[in-house]
């Protein structure tokens, strides 16, 4: 936001307010649905390492049980 002094007070246009709001929202990379889901599914971030995050144990367990269920259903259905 521009530096505002007492001599530079003027009404802002809707366009200026909208542009500033867009800039503020774009600067918040830590927010959003993608990061919310990533934090729910993956291990917490370590800001000091650049490695990829691994999935949490419960995610792997649920995916394994779901895959086992699909395999069992497929085996008995296609038999």
PDB file of N, CA and C in Angstrom:
ATOM      1  N   UNK A   1       0.847  -1.159   0.000  1.00  0.00           N
ATOM      2  CA  UNK A   1       0.000   0.000   0.000  1.00  0.00           C
ATOM      3  C   UNK A   1       0.897   1.228   0.000  1.00  0.00           C
ATOM      4  N   UNK A   2       0.547   2.243  -0.745  1.00  0.00           N
ATOM      5  CA  UNK A   2       1.382   3.432  -0.789  1.00  0.00           C
ATOM      6  C   UNK A   2       1.452   4.111   0.569  1.00  0.00           C
ATOM      7  N   UNK A   3       2.556   4.781   0.789  1.00  0.00           N
ATOM      8  CA  UNK A   3       2.739   5.507   2.042  1.00  0.00           C
ATOM      9  C   UNK A   3       1.795   6.702   2.061  1.00  0.00           C
ATOM     10  N   UNK A   4       0.973   6.773   3.092  1.00  0.00           N
ATOM     11  CA  UNK A   4      -0.039   7.834   3.167  1.00  0.00           C
ATOM     12  C   UNK A   4       0.421   8.871   4.186  1.00  0.00           C
ATOM     13  N   UNK A   5       0.453  10.096   3.756  1.00  0.00           N
ATOM     14  CA  UNK A   5       0.761  11.203   4.675  1.00  0.00           C
ATOM     15  C   UNK A   5      -0.488  12.059   4.833  1.00  0.00           C
ATOM     16  N   UNK A   6      -0.426  12.954   5.754  1.00  0.00           N
ATOM     17  CA  UNK A   6      -1.604  13.799   6.007  1.00  0.00           C
ATOM     18  C   UNK A   6      -1.911  14.722   4.830  1.00  0.00           C
ATOM     19  N   UNK A   7      -0.899  15.056   4.010  1.00  0.00           N
ATOM     20  CA  UNK A   7      -1.116  15.929   2.858  1.00  0.00           C
ATOM     21  C   UNK A   7      -1.654  15.174   1.651  1.00  0.00           C
ATOM     22  N   UNK A   8      -1.560  13.860   1.668  1.00  0.00           N
ATOM     23  CA  UNK A   8      -1.915  13.057   0.490  1.00  0.00           C
ATOM     24  C   UNK A   8      -3.230  12.301   0.687  1.00  0.00           C
ATOM     25  N   UNK A   9      -4.073  12.755   1.577  1.00  0.00           N
ATOM     26  CA  UNK A   9      -5.340  12.075   1.788  1.00  0.00           C
ATOM     27  C   UNK A   9      -6.297  12.421   0.660  1.00  0.00           C
ATOM     28  N   UNK A  10      -6.742  11.397  -0.028  1.00  0.00           N
ATOM     29  CA  UNK A  10      -7.693  11.588  -1.114  1.00  0.00           C
ATOM     30  C   UNK A  10      -8.580  10.355  -1.149  1.00  0.00           C
ATOM     31  N   UNK A  11      -9.761  10.485  -1.670  1.00  0.00           N
ATOM     32  CA  UNK A  11     -10.639   9.314  -1.754  1.00  0.00           C
ATOM     33  C   UNK A  11     -10.071   8.302  -2.762  1.00  0.00           C
ATOM     34  N   UNK A  12     -10.189   7.041  -2.425  1.00  0.00           N
ATOM     35  CA  UNK A  12      -9.725   5.982  -3.306  1.00  0.00           C
ATOM     36  C   UNK A  12     -10.846   5.545  -4.230  1.00  0.00           C
ATOM     37  N   UNK A  13     -10.468   5.192  -5.420  1.00  0.00           N
ATOM     38  CA  UNK A  13     -11.486   4.687  -6.345  1.00  0.00           C
ATOM     39  C   UNK A  13     -11.735   3.216  -6.052  1.00  0.00           C
ATOM     40  N   UNK A  14     -12.821   2.721  -6.561  1.00  0.00           N
ATOM     41  CA  UNK A  14     -13.164   1.314  -6.382  1.00  0.00           C
ATOM     42  C   UNK A  14     -12.099   0.433  -7.019  1.00  0.00           C
ATOM     43  N   UNK A  15     -11.584   0.843  -8.143  1.00  0.00           N
ATOM     44  CA  UNK A  15     -10.557   0.079  -8.859  1.00  0.00           C
ATOM     45  C   UNK A  15      -9.272  -0.046  -8.034  1.00  0.00           C
ATOM     46  N   UNK A  16      -8.862   1.051  -7.389  1.00  0.00           N
ATOM     47  CA  UNK A  16      -7.659   1.018  -6.562  1.00  0.00           C
ATOM     48  C   UNK A  16      -7.829   0.088  -5.359  1.00  0.00           C
ATOM     49  N   UNK A  17      -9.000   0.146  -4.740  1.00  0.00           N
ATOM     50  CA  UNK A  17      -9.274  -0.726  -3.599  1.00  0.00           C
ATOM     51  C   UNK A  17      -9.287  -2.183  -4.051  1.00  0.00           C
ATOM     52  N   UNK A  18      -9.909  -2.457  -5.171  1.00  0.00           N
ATOM     53  CA  UNK A  18      -9.981  -3.816  -5.692  1.00  0.00           C
ATOM     54  C   UNK A  18      -8.592  -4.344  -6.043  1.00  0.00           C
ATOM     55  N   UNK A  19      -7.766  -3.526  -6.664  1.00  0.00           N
ATOM     56  CA  UNK A  19      -6.402  -3.941  -7.015  1.00  0.00           C
ATOM     57  C   UNK A  19      -5.571  -4.238  -5.764  1.00  0.00           C
ATOM     58  N   UNK A  20      -5.706  -3.410  -4.759  1.00  0.00           N
ATOM     59  CA  UNK A  20      -4.960  -3.626  -3.520  1.00  0.00           C
ATOM     60  C   UNK A  20      -5.438  -4.895  -2.817  1.00  0.00           C
ATOM     61  N   UNK A  21      -6.739  -5.131  -2.813  1.00  0.00           N
ATOM     62  CA  UNK A  21      -7.284  -6.345  -2.216  1.00  0.00           C
ATOM     63  C   UNK A  21      -6.787  -7.582  -2.956  1.00  0.00           C
ATOM     64  N   UNK A  22      -6.774  -7.548  -4.285  1.00  0.00           N
ATOM     65  CA  UNK A  22      -6.247  -8.670  -5.072  1.00  0.00           C
ATOM     66  C   UNK A  22      -4.783  -8.928  -4.757  1.00  0.00           C
ATOM     67  N   UNK A  23      -4.009  -7.876  -4.607  1.00  0.00           N
ATOM     68  CA  UNK A  23      -2.589  -8.042  -4.295  1.00  0.00           C
ATOM     69  C   UNK A  23      -2.414  -8.681  -2.917  1.00  0.00           C
ATOM     70  N   UNK A  24      -3.196  -8.253  -1.948  1.00  0.00           N
ATOM     71  CA  UNK A  24      -3.105  -8.822  -0.608  1.00  0.00           C
ATOM     72  C   UNK A  24      -3.502 -10.296  -0.595  1.00  0.00           C
ATOM     73  N   UNK A  25      -4.527 -10.666  -1.341  1.00  0.00           N
ATOM     74  CA  UNK A  25      -4.966 -12.062  -1.389  1.00  0.00           C
ATOM     75  C   UNK A  25      -3.925 -12.928  -2.094  1.00  0.00           C
ATOM     76  N   UNK A  26      -3.339 -12.419  -3.178  1.00  0.00           N
ATOM     77  CA  UNK A  26      -2.314 -13.187  -3.906  1.00  0.00           C
ATOM     78  C   UNK A  26      -1.057 -13.397  -3.075  1.00  0.00           C
ATOM     79  N   UNK A  27      -0.764 -12.500  -2.145  1.00  0.00           N
ATOM     80  CA  UNK A  27       0.431 -12.621  -1.313  1.00  0.00           C
ATOM     81  C   UNK A  27       0.263 -13.669  -0.209  1.00  0.00           C
ATOM     82  N   UNK A  28      -0.914 -14.145   0.018  1.00  0.00           N
ATOM     83  CA  UNK A  28      -1.158 -15.121   1.088  1.00  0.00           C
ATOM     84  C   UNK A  28      -1.144 -16.535   0.519  1.00  0.00           C
ATOM     85  N   UNK A  29       0.064 -17.029   0.278  1.00  0.00           N
ATOM     86  CA  UNK A  29       0.198 -18.365  -0.293  1.00  0.00           C
ATOM     87  C   UNK A  29      -0.048 -19.460   0.745  1.00  0.00           C
ATOM     88  N   UNK A  30       0.001 -19.116   2.003  1.00  0.00           N
ATOM     89  CA  UNK A  30      -0.190 -20.110   3.049  1.00  0.00           C
ATOM     90  C   UNK A  30      -1.666 -20.419   3.281  1.00  0.00           C
ATOM     91  N   UNK A  31      -2.550 -19.709   2.615  1.00  0.00           N
ATOM     92  CA  UNK A  31      -3.979 -19.936   2.792  1.00  0.00           C
ATOM     93  C   UNK A  31      -4.551 -20.579   1.538  1.00  0.00           C
ATOM     94  N   UNK A  32      -5.701 -21.198   1.658  1.00  0.00           N
ATOM     95  CA  UNK A  32      -6.360 -21.748   0.495  1.00  0.00           C
ATOM     96  C   UNK A  32      -6.758 -23.199   0.696  1.00  0.00           C
ATOM     97  N   UNK A  33      -7.644 -23.671  -0.180  1.00  0.00           N
ATOM     98  CA  UNK A  33      -8.159 -25.028  -0.076  1.00  0.00           C
ATOM     99  C   UNK A  33      -7.066 -26.060  -0.328  1.00  0.00           C
ATOM    100  N   UNK A  34      -6.191 -25.779  -1.280  1.00  0.00           N
ATOM    101  CA  UNK A  34      -5.128 -26.741  -1.603  1.00  0.00           C
ATOM    102  C   UNK A  34      -4.214 -26.962  -0.405  1.00  0.00           C
ATOM    103  N   UNK A  35      -3.832 -25.894   0.269  1.00  0.00           N
ATOM    104  CA  UNK A  35      -2.972 -26.032   1.443  1.00  0.00           C
ATOM    105  C   UNK A  35      -3.718 -26.638   2.616  1.00  0.00           C
ATOM    106  N   UNK A  36      -4.995 -26.362   2.755  1.00  0.00           N
ATOM    107  CA  UNK A  36      -5.796 -26.964   3.823  1.00  0.00           C
ATOM    108  C   UNK A  36      -5.849 -28.470   3.644  1.00  0.00           C
ATOM    109  N   UNK A  37      -6.129 -28.930   2.428  1.00  0.00           N
ATOM    110  CA  UNK A  37      -6.167 -30.370   2.172  1.00  0.00           C
ATOM    111  C   UNK A  37      -4.785 -30.997   2.294  1.00  0.00           C
ATOM    112  N   UNK A  38      -3.774 -30.298   1.825  1.00  0.00           N
ATOM    113  CA  UNK A  38      -2.412 -30.815   1.944  1.00  0.00           C
ATOM    114  C   UNK A  38      -1.991 -30.977   3.387  1.00  0.00           C
ATOM    115  N   UNK A  39      -2.358 -30.028   4.237  1.00  0.00           N
ATOM    116  CA  UNK A  39      -2.015 -30.132   5.651  1.00  0.00           C
ATOM    117  C   UNK A  39      -2.801 -31.242   6.341  1.00  0.00           C
ATOM    118  N   UNK A  40      -3.996 -31.553   5.851  1.00  0.00           N
ATOM    119  CA  UNK A  40      -4.790 -32.619   6.443  1.00  0.00           C
ATOM    120  C   UNK A  40      -4.274 -33.995   6.029  1.00  0.00           C
ATOM    121  N   UNK A  41      -3.721 -34.117   4.822  1.00  0.00           N
ATOM    122  CA  UNK A  41      -3.320 -35.417   4.276  1.00  0.00           C
ATOM    123  C   UNK A  41      -1.831 -35.701   4.496  1.00  0.00           C
ATOM    124  N   UNK A  42      -0.979 -34.675   4.423  1.00  0.00           N
ATOM    125  CA  UNK A  42       0.466 -34.872   4.513  1.00  0.00           C
ATOM    126  C   UNK A  42       0.998 -34.507   5.896  1.00  0.00           C
ATOM    127  N   UNK A  43       2.190 -34.997   6.180  1.00  0.00           N
ATOM    128  CA  UNK A  43       2.870 -34.660   7.424  1.00  0.00           C
ATOM    129  C   UNK A  43       3.129 -33.147   7.457  1.00  0.00           C
ATOM    130  N   UNK A  44       3.311 -32.575   8.641  1.00  0.00           N
ATOM    131  CA  UNK A  44       3.551 -31.125   8.740  1.00  0.00           C
ATOM    132  C   UNK A  44       4.812 -30.697   7.981  1.00  0.00           C
ATOM    133  N   UNK A  45       4.794 -29.467   7.511  1.00  0.00           N
ATOM    134  CA  UNK A  45       5.940 -28.926   6.782  1.00  0.00           C
ATOM    135  C   UNK A  45       7.106 -28.672   7.726  1.00  0.00           C
ATOM    136  N   UNK A  46       8.307 -28.872   7.200  1.00  0.00           N
ATOM    137  CA  UNK A  46       9.516 -28.467   7.902  1.00  0.00           C
ATOM    138  C   UNK A  46      10.143 -27.359   7.072  1.00  0.00           C
ATOM    139  N   UNK A  47      10.098 -26.130   7.555  1.00  0.00           N
ATOM    140  CA  UNK A  47      10.578 -25.015   6.732  1.00  0.00           C
ATOM    141  C   UNK A  47      12.084 -25.043   6.486  1.00  0.00           C
ATOM    142  N   UNK A  48      12.818 -25.886   7.207  1.00  0.00           N
ATOM    143  CA  UNK A  48      14.265 -25.928   7.055  1.00  0.00           C
ATOM    144  C   UNK A  48      14.728 -26.996   6.081  1.00  0.00           C
ATOM    145  N   UNK A  49      13.813 -27.818   5.573  1.00  0.00           N
ATOM    146  CA  UNK A  49      14.168 -28.853   4.606  1.00  0.00           C
ATOM    147  C   UNK A  49      13.321 -28.691   3.361  1.00  0.00           C
ATOM    148  N   UNK A  50      13.904 -28.996   2.219  1.00  0.00           N
ATOM    149  CA  UNK A  50      13.192 -28.862   0.948  1.00  0.00           C
ATOM    150  C   UNK A  50      12.725 -30.217   0.422  1.00  0.00           C
ATOM    151  N   UNK A  51      12.529 -31.186   1.294  1.00  0.00           N
ATOM    152  CA  UNK A  51      12.082 -32.508   0.856  1.00  0.00           C
ATOM    153  C   UNK A  51      10.570 -32.517   0.709  1.00  0.00           C
ATOM    154  N   UNK A  52      10.094 -33.464  -0.085  1.00  0.00           N
ATOM    155  CA  UNK A  52       8.650 -33.612  -0.260  1.00  0.00           C
ATOM    156  C   UNK A  52       8.035 -34.198   1.004  1.00  0.00           C
ATOM    157  N   UNK A  53       6.810 -33.806   1.276  1.00  0.00           N
ATOM    158  CA  UNK A  53       6.140 -34.328   2.458  1.00  0.00           C
ATOM    159  C   UNK A  53       5.569 -35.711   2.158  1.00  0.00           C
ATOM    160  N   UNK A  54       5.564 -36.571   3.149  1.00  0.00           N
ATOM    161  CA  UNK A  54       4.980 -37.903   2.988  1.00  0.00           C
ATOM    162  C   UNK A  54       3.566 -37.902   3.545  1.00  0.00           C
ATOM    163  N   UNK A  55       2.787 -38.864   3.098  1.00  0.00           N
ATOM    164  CA  UNK A  55       1.396 -38.956   3.546  1.00  0.00           C
ATOM    165  C   UNK A  55       1.339 -39.417   5.003  1.00  0.00           C
ATOM    166  N   UNK A  56       0.290 -39.013   5.685  1.00  0.00           N
ATOM    167  CA  UNK A  56       0.096 -39.440   7.063  1.00  0.00           C
ATOM    168  C   UNK A  56      -0.287 -40.915   7.090  1.00  0.00           C
ATOM    169  N   UNK A  57      -0.092 -41.544   8.237  1.00  0.00           N
ATOM    170  CA  UNK A  57      -0.360 -42.985   8.356  1.00  0.00           C
ATOM    171  C   UNK A  57      -1.822 -43.325   8.083  1.00  0.00           C
ATOM    172  N   UNK A  58      -2.741 -42.496   8.571  1.00  0.00           N
ATOM    173  CA  UNK A  58      -4.152 -42.831   8.401  1.00  0.00           C
ATOM    174  C   UNK A  58      -4.568 -42.754   6.939  1.00  0.00           C
ATOM    175  N   UNK A  59      -3.926 -41.905   6.153  1.00  0.00           N
ATOM    176  CA  UNK A  59      -4.243 -41.808   4.724  1.00  0.00           C
ATOM    177  C   UNK A  59      -3.812 -43.076   4.017  1.00  0.00           C
ATOM    178  N   UNK A  60      -2.617 -43.558   4.345  1.00  0.00           N
ATOM    179  CA  UNK A  60      -2.124 -44.795   3.735  1.00  0.00           C
ATOM    180  C   UNK A  60      -3.000 -45.967   4.154  1.00  0.00           C
ATOM    181  N   UNK A  61      -3.418 -46.010   5.413  1.00  0.00           N
ATOM    182  CA  UNK A  61      -4.266 -47.103   5.891  1.00  0.00           C
ATOM    183  C   UNK A  61      -5.628 -47.093   5.194  1.00  0.00           C
ATOM    184  N   UNK A  62      -6.245 -45.936   5.073  1.00  0.00           N
ATOM    185  CA  UNK A  62      -7.550 -45.839   4.422  1.00  0.00           C
ATOM    186  C   UNK A  62      -7.447 -46.230   2.947  1.00  0.00           C
ATOM    187  N   UNK A  63      -6.392 -45.768   2.267  1.00  0.00           N
ATOM    188  CA  UNK A  63      -6.211 -46.127   0.854  1.00  0.00           C
ATOM    189  C   UNK A  63      -5.963 -47.623   0.702  1.00  0.00           C
ATOM    190  N   UNK A  64      -5.200 -48.206   1.611  1.00  0.00           N
ATOM    191  CA  UNK A  64      -4.954 -49.652   1.566  1.00  0.00           C
ATOM    192  C   UNK A  64      -6.217 -50.462   1.775  1.00  0.00           C
ATOM    193  N   UNK A  65      -7.024 -50.070   2.742  1.00  0.00           N
ATOM    194  CA  UNK A  65      -8.284 -50.777   3.003  1.00  0.00           C
ATOM    195  C   UNK A  65      -9.239 -50.613   1.826  1.00  0.00           C
ATOM    196  N   UNK A  66      -9.298 -49.421   1.244  1.00  0.00           N
ATOM    197  CA  UNK A  66     -10.165 -49.190   0.086  1.00  0.00           C
ATOM    198  C   UNK A  66      -9.700 -50.025  -1.109  1.00  0.00           C
ATOM    199  N   UNK A  67      -8.392 -50.087  -1.340  1.00  0.00           N
ATOM    200  CA  UNK A  67      -7.865 -50.902  -2.431  1.00  0.00           C
ATOM    201  C   UNK A  67      -8.147 -52.375  -2.203  1.00  0.00           C
ATOM    202  N   UNK A  68      -7.993 -52.840  -0.977  1.00  0.00           N
ATOM    203  CA  UNK A  68      -8.307 -54.227  -0.650  1.00  0.00           C
ATOM    204  C   UNK A  68      -9.788 -54.510  -0.879  1.00  0.00           C
ATOM    205  N   UNK A  69     -10.652 -53.591  -0.505  1.00  0.00           N
ATOM    206  CA  UNK A  69     -12.089 -53.764  -0.746  1.00  0.00           C
ATOM    207  C   UNK A  69     -12.416 -53.827  -2.225  1.00  0.00           C
ATOM    208  N   UNK A  70     -11.791 -52.991  -3.026  1.00  0.00           N
ATOM    209  CA  UNK A  70     -12.027 -53.012  -4.478  1.00  0.00           C
ATOM    210  C   UNK A  70     -11.532 -54.320  -5.077  1.00  0.00           C
ATOM    211  N   UNK A  71     -10.379 -54.784  -4.621  1.00  0.00           N
ATOM    212  CA  UNK A  71      -9.852 -56.064  -5.132  1.00  0.00           C
ATOM    213  C   UNK A  71     -10.759 -57.228  -4.763  1.00  0.00           C
ATOM    214  N   UNK A  72     -11.237 -57.278  -3.540  1.00  0.00           N
ATOM    215  CA  UNK A  72     -12.143 -58.348  -3.125  1.00  0.00           C
ATOM    216  C   UNK A  72     -13.455 -58.280  -3.919  1.00  0.00           C
ATOM    217  N   UNK A  73     -14.006 -57.080  -4.054  1.00  0.00           N
ATOM    218  CA  UNK A  73     -15.243 -56.919  -4.831  1.00  0.00           C
ATOM    219  C   UNK A  73     -15.024 -57.345  -6.283  1.00  0.00           C
ATOM    220  N   UNK A  74     -13.923 -56.914  -6.847  1.00  0.00           N
ATOM    221  CA  UNK A  74     -13.626 -57.275  -8.243  1.00  0.00           C
ATOM    222  C   UNK A  74     -13.427 -58.769  -8.411  1.00  0.00           C
ATOM    223  N   UNK A  75     -12.770 -59.391  -7.484  1.00  0.00           N
ATOM    224  CA  UNK A  75     -12.534 -60.844  -7.583  1.00  0.00           C
ATOM    225  C   UNK A  75     -13.860 -61.620  -7.554  1.00  0.00           C
ATOM    226  N   UNK A  76     -14.711 -61.316  -6.601  1.00  0.00           N
ATOM    227  CA  UNK A  76     -15.978 -62.058  -6.499  1.00  0.00           C
ATOM    228  C   UNK A  76     -16.992 -61.644  -7.553  1.00  0.00           C
ATOM    229  N   UNK A  77     -16.907 -60.415  -8.023  1.00  0.00           N
ATOM    230  CA  UNK A  77     -17.858 -59.959  -9.041  1.00  0.00           C
ATOM    231  C   UNK A  77     -17.500 -60.511 -10.419  1.00  0.00           C
ATOM    232  N   UNK A  78     -16.224 -60.583 -10.737  1.00  0.00           N
ATOM    233  CA  UNK A  78     -15.794 -61.033 -12.042  1.00  0.00           C
ATOM    234  C   UNK A  78     -15.582 -62.549 -12.126  1.00  0.00           C
ATOM    235  N   UNK A  79     -15.731 -63.241 -11.047  1.00  0.00           N
ATOM    236  CA  UNK A  79     -15.521 -64.694 -11.013  1.00  0.00           C
ATOM    237  C   UNK A  79     -16.624 -65.438 -11.635  1.00  0.00           C
TER     238      UNK A  79
END
